[in-house]
PDB file of N, CA and C in Angstrom:
ATOM      1  N   MET A   1       0.599  -0.768   0.124  1.00  0.00           N
ATOM      2  CA  MET A   1      -0.043  -0.166   0.066  1.00  0.00           C
ATOM      3  C   MET A   1       1.054   1.353  -0.446  1.00  0.00           C
ATOM      4  N   THR A   2       2.335   1.165   0.858  1.00  0.00           N
ATOM      5  CA  THR A   2       3.040   2.459   0.668  1.00  0.00           C
ATOM      6  C   THR A   2       3.352   2.574  -0.575  1.00  0.00           C
ATOM      7  N   ILE A   3       3.504   1.531  -1.243  1.00  0.00           N
ATOM      8  CA  ILE A   3       4.048   1.752  -2.681  1.00  0.00           C
ATOM      9  C   ILE A   3       3.502   2.737  -3.845  1.00  0.00           C
ATOM     10  N   TRP A   4       2.148   2.361  -3.504  1.00  0.00           N
ATOM     11  CA  TRP A   4       1.164   3.316  -4.410  1.00  0.00           C
ATOM     12  C   TRP A   4       1.382   4.844  -3.517  1.00  0.00           C
ATOM     13  N   THR A   5       0.666   4.546  -2.558  1.00  0.00           N
ATOM     14  CA  THR A   5       0.876   5.975  -2.259  1.00  0.00           C
ATOM     15  C   THR A   5       2.456   7.078  -3.071  1.00  0.00           C
ATOM     16  N   ILE A   6       3.445   6.297  -2.662  1.00  0.00           N
ATOM     17  CA  ILE A   6       4.429   7.091  -2.898  1.00  0.00           C
ATOM     18  C   ILE A   6       4.038   7.261  -4.154  1.00  0.00           C
ATOM     19  N   LEU A   7       3.437   6.662  -5.329  1.00  0.00           N
ATOM     20  CA  LEU A   7       3.933   6.265  -6.748  1.00  0.00           C
ATOM     21  C   LEU A   7       2.626   7.960  -7.125  1.00  0.00           C
ATOM     22  N   LEU A   8       1.605   7.558  -6.187  1.00  0.00           N
ATOM     23  CA  LEU A   8       0.544   8.524  -6.539  1.00  0.00           C
ATOM     24  C   LEU A   8       0.728   9.786  -6.131  1.00  0.00           C
ATOM     25  N   ILE A   9       1.688  10.265  -5.147  1.00  0.00           N
ATOM     26  CA  ILE A   9       2.291  10.902  -4.639  1.00  0.00           C
ATOM     27  C   ILE A   9       3.406  12.339  -5.787  1.00  0.00           C
ATOM     28  N   THR A  10       4.120  11.253  -6.106  1.00  0.00           N
ATOM     29  CA  THR A  10       5.758  11.567  -6.843  1.00  0.00           C
ATOM     30  C   THR A  10       4.705  11.332  -8.120  1.00  0.00           C
ATOM     31  N   SER A  11       3.081  10.613  -8.713  1.00  0.00           N
ATOM     32  CA  SER A  11       2.780  11.409 -10.291  1.00  0.00           C
ATOM     33  C   SER A  11       1.640  12.467 -10.251  1.00  0.00           C
ATOM     34  N   GLY A  12       1.690  12.998  -8.869  1.00  0.00           N
ATOM     35  CA  GLY A  12       0.866  14.338  -8.431  1.00  0.00           C
ATOM     36  C   GLY A  12       2.103  15.224  -9.058  1.00  0.00           C
ATOM     37  N   LEU A  13       2.575  15.328  -7.684  1.00  0.00           N
ATOM     38  CA  LEU A  13       4.164  16.196  -7.955  1.00  0.00           C
ATOM     39  C   LEU A  13       4.510  16.586  -9.318  1.00  0.00           C
ATOM     40  N   ALA A  14       4.640  15.757 -10.410  1.00  0.00           N
ATOM     41  CA  ALA A  14       4.730  15.637 -11.370  1.00  0.00           C
ATOM     42  C   ALA A  14       4.352  16.560 -12.374  1.00  0.00           C
ATOM     43  N   PHE A  15       2.730  15.742 -12.461  1.00  0.00           N
ATOM     44  CA  PHE A  15       1.969  16.995 -13.389  1.00  0.00           C
ATOM     45  C   PHE A  15       1.756  18.439 -12.634  1.00  0.00           C
ATOM     46  N   LEU A  16       1.967  18.498 -11.422  1.00  0.00           N
ATOM     47  CA  LEU A  16       1.843  19.983 -10.874  1.00  0.00           C
ATOM     48  C   LEU A  16       3.166  20.675 -11.605  1.00  0.00           C
ATOM     49  N   VAL A  17       4.180  20.469 -11.203  1.00  0.00           N
ATOM     50  CA  VAL A  17       5.552  20.829 -12.308  1.00  0.00           C
ATOM     51  C   VAL A  17       5.521  20.725 -13.608  1.00  0.00           C
ATOM     52  N   LEU A  18       5.230  19.687 -14.743  1.00  0.00           N
ATOM     53  CA  LEU A  18       4.778  19.955 -15.935  1.00  0.00           C
ATOM     54  C   LEU A  18       3.398  21.194 -15.735  1.00  0.00           C
ATOM     55  N   LEU A  19       2.751  21.007 -15.982  1.00  0.00           N
ATOM     56  CA  LEU A  19       1.307  22.315 -15.515  1.00  0.00           C
ATOM     57  C   LEU A  19       2.027  23.278 -15.104  1.00  0.00           C
ATOM     58  N   GLY A  20       3.091  23.272 -14.462  1.00  0.00           N
ATOM     59  CA  GLY A  20       3.294  25.027 -14.121  1.00  0.00           C
ATOM     60  C   GLY A  20       4.302  25.652 -14.726  1.00  0.00           C
ATOM     61  N   TYR A  21       5.301  24.536 -15.317  1.00  0.00           N
ATOM     62  CA  TYR A  21       6.432  24.604 -16.998  1.00  0.00           C
ATOM     63  C   TYR A  21       5.365  25.011 -17.793  1.00  0.00           C
ATOM     64  N   VAL A  22       4.530  24.656 -18.062  1.00  0.00           N
ATOM     65  CA  VAL A  22       3.072  24.591 -19.790  1.00  0.00           C
ATOM     66  C   VAL A  22       2.868  26.267 -19.062  1.00  0.00           C
ATOM     67  N   VAL A  23       1.647  26.663 -18.248  1.00  0.00           N
ATOM     68  CA  VAL A  23       1.560  27.718 -17.554  1.00  0.00           C
ATOM     69  C   VAL A  23       2.846  29.126 -17.978  1.00  0.00           C
ATOM     70  N   TYR A  24       3.483  28.553 -17.495  1.00  0.00           N
ATOM     71  CA  TYR A  24       4.782  29.871 -17.507  1.00  0.00           C
ATOM     72  C   TYR A  24       5.303  30.206 -19.031  1.00  0.00           C
ATOM     73  N   GLY A  25       5.352  28.865 -19.631  1.00  0.00           N
ATOM     74  CA  GLY A  25       5.717  29.165 -21.105  1.00  0.00           C
ATOM     75  C   GLY A  25       4.921  29.246 -21.860  1.00  0.00           C
ATOM     76  N   VAL A  26       3.222  29.240 -21.570  1.00  0.00           N
ATOM     77  CA  VAL A  26       1.974  30.291 -22.200  1.00  0.00           C
ATOM     78  C   VAL A  26       2.122  31.791 -22.246  1.00  0.00           C
ATOM     79  N   LYS A  27       2.268  32.120 -20.264  1.00  0.00           N
ATOM     80  CA  LYS A  27       2.305  33.351 -20.614  1.00  0.00           C
ATOM     81  C   LYS A  27       3.589  34.178 -20.653  1.00  0.00           C
ATOM     82  N   ALA A  28       4.687  33.255 -20.889  1.00  0.00           N
ATOM     83  CA  ALA A  28       5.751  34.152 -21.844  1.00  0.00           C
ATOM     84  C   ALA A  28       5.678  34.908 -23.403  1.00  0.00           C
ATOM     85  N   GLU A  29       5.032  33.622 -23.640  1.00  0.00           N
ATOM     86  CA  GLU A  29       4.617  33.828 -25.392  1.00  0.00           C
ATOM     87  C   GLU A  29       3.800  34.307 -25.429  1.00  0.00           C
ATOM     88  N   LEU A  30       2.609  34.932 -24.481  1.00  0.00           N
ATOM     89  CA  LEU A  30       1.485  35.886 -24.562  1.00  0.00           C
ATOM     90  C   LEU A  30       2.400  37.298 -24.342  1.00  0.00           C
ATOM     91  N   ILE A  31       3.164  37.027 -23.091  1.00  0.00           N
ATOM     92  CA  ILE A  31       3.663  38.435 -22.757  1.00  0.00           C
ATOM     93  C   ILE A  31       4.398  39.121 -24.125  1.00  0.00           C
ATOM     94  N   GLU A  32       5.162  38.091 -24.964  1.00  0.00           N
ATOM     95  CA  GLU A  32       6.225  38.756 -26.381  1.00  0.00           C
ATOM     96  C   GLU A  32       5.552  39.208 -27.559  1.00  0.00           C
ATOM     97  N   THR A  33       3.856  38.058 -27.379  1.00  0.00           N
ATOM     98  CA  THR A  33       3.535  38.572 -28.816  1.00  0.00           C
ATOM     99  C   THR A  33       2.173  39.658 -28.533  1.00  0.00           C
ATOM    100  N   LEU A  34       2.470  40.154 -26.472  1.00  0.00           N
ATOM    101  CA  LEU A  34       1.691  41.692 -26.490  1.00  0.00           C
ATOM    102  C   LEU A  34       2.851  42.868 -26.637  1.00  0.00           C
ATOM    103  N   ASP A  35       4.038  42.281 -26.860  1.00  0.00           N
ATOM    104  CA  ASP A  35       4.414  43.506 -26.862  1.00  0.00           C
ATOM    105  C   ASP A  35       4.870  43.249 -28.539  1.00  0.00           C
ATOM    106  N   ASP A  36       5.169  42.536 -29.266  1.00  0.00           N
ATOM    107  CA  ASP A  36       4.963  42.675 -30.497  1.00  0.00           C
ATOM    108  C   ASP A  36       3.873  43.425 -31.117  1.00  0.00           C
ATOM    109  N   LEU A  37       2.392  43.008 -30.845  1.00  0.00           N
ATOM    110  CA  LEU A  37       1.299  44.255 -30.925  1.00  0.00           C
ATOM    111  C   LEU A  37       1.327  45.655 -30.485  1.00  0.00           C
ATOM    112  N   LYS A  38       1.852  46.024 -29.708  1.00  0.00           N
ATOM    113  CA  LYS A  38       1.977  46.890 -28.909  1.00  0.00           C
ATOM    114  C   LYS A  38       3.232  47.782 -30.111  1.00  0.00           C
ATOM    115  N   ALA A  39       4.457  47.354 -30.389  1.00  0.00           N
ATOM    116  CA  ALA A  39       5.435  47.681 -31.371  1.00  0.00           C
ATOM    117  C   ALA A  39       4.812  48.395 -32.461  1.00  0.00           C
ATOM    118  N   ASP A  40       4.185  47.183 -33.041  1.00  0.00           N
ATOM    119  CA  ASP A  40       3.211  47.059 -34.661  1.00  0.00           C
ATOM    120  C   ASP A  40       1.803  48.573 -34.415  1.00  0.00           C
ATOM    121  N   VAL A  41       1.471  48.526 -33.103  1.00  0.00           N
ATOM    122  CA  VAL A  41       0.577  49.970 -33.041  1.00  0.00           C
ATOM    123  C   VAL A  41       1.303  50.580 -33.255  1.00  0.00           C
ATOM    124  N   ASP A  42       2.217  51.221 -32.237  1.00  0.00           N
ATOM    125  CA  ASP A  42       3.517  52.728 -32.399  1.00  0.00           C
ATOM    126  C   ASP A  42       3.901  52.491 -33.663  1.00  0.00           C
ATOM    127  N   GLU A  43       4.475  51.581 -34.497  1.00  0.00           N
ATOM    128  CA  GLU A  43       4.435  51.917 -36.002  1.00  0.00           C
ATOM    129  C   GLU A  43       3.738  52.463 -36.753  1.00  0.00           C
ATOM    130  N   SER A  44       2.750  52.222 -36.852  1.00  0.00           N
ATOM    131  CA  SER A  44       1.435  52.543 -37.644  1.00  0.00           C
ATOM    132  C   SER A  44       0.905  53.815 -36.918  1.00  0.00           C
ATOM    133  N   VAL A  45       0.729  54.203 -35.847  1.00  0.00           N
ATOM    134  CA  VAL A  45       0.702  55.799 -35.481  1.00  0.00           C
ATOM    135  C   VAL A  45       1.805  56.523 -35.549  1.00  0.00           C
ATOM    136  N   ALA A  46       2.865  55.632 -35.674  1.00  0.00           N
ATOM    137  CA  ALA A  46       4.032  56.853 -36.394  1.00  0.00           C
ATOM    138  C   ALA A  46       3.938  57.158 -37.612  1.00  0.00           C
ATOM    139  N   HIS A  47       3.009  56.072 -38.293  1.00  0.00           N
ATOM    140  CA  HIS A  47       2.842  56.373 -39.832  1.00  0.00           C
ATOM    141  C   HIS A  47       1.505  56.220 -40.575  1.00  0.00           C
ATOM    142  N   GLU A  48       0.667  57.320 -39.824  1.00  0.00           N
ATOM    143  CA  GLU A  48      -0.092  57.201 -40.181  1.00  0.00           C
ATOM    144  C   GLU A  48      -1.065  57.841 -41.339  1.00  0.00           C
ATOM    145  N   GLU A  49      -0.206  58.640 -42.126  1.00  0.00           N
ATOM    146  CA  GLU A  49      -0.345  59.670 -43.367  1.00  0.00           C
ATOM    147  C   GLU A  49      -0.049  58.594 -44.516  1.00  0.00           C
ATOM    148  N   ILE A  50       0.343  57.193 -44.133  1.00  0.00           N
ATOM    149  CA  ILE A  50       0.412  56.025 -45.316  1.00  0.00           C
ATOM    150  C   ILE A  50      -0.678  55.217 -45.052  1.00  0.00           C
ATOM    151  N   LEU A  51      -1.603  55.041 -44.361  1.00  0.00           N
ATOM    152  CA  LEU A  51      -2.323  54.024 -43.560  1.00  0.00           C
ATOM    153  C   LEU A  51      -3.874  55.030 -44.393  1.00  0.00           C
ATOM    154  N   ASP A  52      -3.758  56.524 -44.546  1.00  0.00           N
ATOM    155  CA  ASP A  52      -5.159  57.096 -44.815  1.00  0.00           C
ATOM    156  C   ASP A  52      -5.047  56.958 -45.919  1.00  0.00           C
ATOM    157  N   GLN A  53      -3.840  57.002 -46.959  1.00  0.00           N
ATOM    158  CA  GLN A  53      -3.994  56.706 -48.392  1.00  0.00           C
ATOM    159  C   GLN A  53      -4.900  55.499 -48.836  1.00  0.00           C
ATOM    160  N   PRO A  54      -5.768  56.127 -49.819  1.00  0.00           N
ATOM    161  CA  PRO A  54      -6.320  54.684 -50.531  1.00  0.00           C
ATOM    162  C   PRO A  54      -5.100  54.026 -51.016  1.00  0.00           C
ATOM    163  N   MET A  55      -5.847  52.670 -51.311  1.00  0.00           N
ATOM    164  CA  MET A  55      -4.903  51.165 -52.126  1.00  0.00           C
ATOM    165  C   MET A  55      -5.415  51.578 -53.294  1.00  0.00           C
ATOM    166  N   GLU A  56      -4.000  51.280 -54.034  1.00  0.00           N
ATOM    167  CA  GLU A  56      -4.306  51.076 -56.146  1.00  0.00           C
ATOM    168  C   GLU A  56      -4.356  49.956 -56.128  1.00  0.00           C
TER     169      GLU A  56
END
């Protein structure tokens, strides 16, 4: 019985570590994407005159 308990606890901890790693990776990716979007918005604001011209 103690072997199964140890196995269950070890599996639970491994799952929590894996879940934390995934959450950390997703959060870092979202922050990077948000920074890229902010840079794109800043660039488009800096060049509004180009955006106002009709497409040919």
